[in-house]
Amino acid sequence: MLIDKKKKDLNHEIKKELEKSKLKVLTNENDFLVKNLKKAG
């Protein structure tokens, strides 16, 4: 039973990290796009 609980906690942590990394990637892409738009405009 304890092992199952650990697995669930671990999965939850992994999901959190994935969401953070996705957010970072999106933020970096948005920054890149905004910089290019400013150069063009």
C-alpha atoms as a PDB file:
ATOM      1  CA  MET A   1       0.000   0.000   0.000  1.00  0.00           C
ATOM      2  CA  LEU A   2       2.828   2.382   0.848  1.00  0.00           C
ATOM      3  CA  ILE A   3       4.491   1.697  -2.494  1.00  0.00           C
ATOM      4  CA  ASP A   4       1.295   2.604  -4.370  1.00  0.00           C
ATOM      5  CA  LYS A   5       1.089   5.886  -2.519  1.00  0.00           C
ATOM      6  CA  LYS A   6       4.709   6.647  -3.400  1.00  0.00           C
ATOM      7  CA  LYS A   7       4.029   5.897  -7.071  1.00  0.00           C
ATOM      8  CA  LYS A   8       1.071   8.263  -7.142  1.00  0.00           C
ATOM      9  CA  ASP A   9       3.092  11.010  -5.475  1.00  0.00           C
ATOM     10  CA  LEU A  10       5.906  10.487  -7.957  1.00  0.00           C
ATOM     11  CA  ASN A  11       3.529  10.643 -10.912  1.00  0.00           C
ATOM     12  CA  HIS A  12       2.057  13.840  -9.524  1.00  0.00           C
ATOM     13  CA  GLU A  13       5.548  15.364  -9.184  1.00  0.00           C
ATOM     14  CA  ILE A  14       6.443  14.355 -12.746  1.00  0.00           C
ATOM     15  CA  LYS A  15       3.230  15.901 -14.067  1.00  0.00           C
ATOM     16  CA  LYS A  16       3.999  19.132 -12.201  1.00  0.00           C
ATOM     17  CA  GLU A  17       7.506  19.263 -13.667  1.00  0.00           C
ATOM     18  CA  LEU A  18       6.188  18.608 -17.167  1.00  0.00           C
ATOM     19  CA  GLU A  19       3.688  21.437 -16.865  1.00  0.00           C
ATOM     20  CA  LYS A  20       6.445  23.779 -15.703  1.00  0.00           C
ATOM     21  CA  SER A  21       8.753  22.797 -18.557  1.00  0.00           C
ATOM     22  CA  LYS A  22       5.950  23.208 -21.117  1.00  0.00           C
ATOM     23  CA  LEU A  23       5.259  26.645 -19.722  1.00  0.00           C
ATOM     24  CA  LYS A  24       8.947  27.575 -19.993  1.00  0.00           C
ATOM     25  CA  VAL A  25       9.081  26.446 -23.617  1.00  0.00           C
ATOM     26  CA  LEU A  26       5.957  28.436 -24.459  1.00  0.00           C
ATOM     27  CA  THR A  27       7.329  31.511 -22.706  1.00  0.00           C
ATOM     28  CA  ASN A  28      10.614  31.253 -24.608  1.00  0.00           C
ATOM     29  CA  GLU A  29       8.785  30.867 -27.914  1.00  0.00           C
ATOM     30  CA  ASN A  30       6.576  33.852 -27.155  1.00  0.00           C
ATOM     31  CA  ASP A  31       9.598  35.976 -26.245  1.00  0.00           C
ATOM     32  CA  PHE A  32      11.247  34.991 -29.518  1.00  0.00           C
ATOM     33  CA  LEU A  33       8.131  35.855 -31.531  1.00  0.00           C
ATOM     34  CA  VAL A  34       7.682  39.189 -29.778  1.00  0.00           C
ATOM     35  CA  LYS A  35      11.328  40.142 -30.443  1.00  0.00           C
ATOM     36  CA  ASN A  36      10.962  39.283 -34.135  1.00  0.00           C
ATOM     37  CA  LEU A  37       7.739  41.256 -34.408  1.00  0.00           C
ATOM     38  CA  LYS A  38       9.369  44.280 -32.800  1.00  0.00           C
ATOM     39  CA  LYS A  39      12.254  44.076 -35.291  1.00  0.00           C
ATOM     40  CA  ALA A  40       9.845  43.827 -38.215  1.00  0.00           C
ATOM     41  CA  GLY A  41       7.595  46.618 -36.944  1.00  0.00           C
END
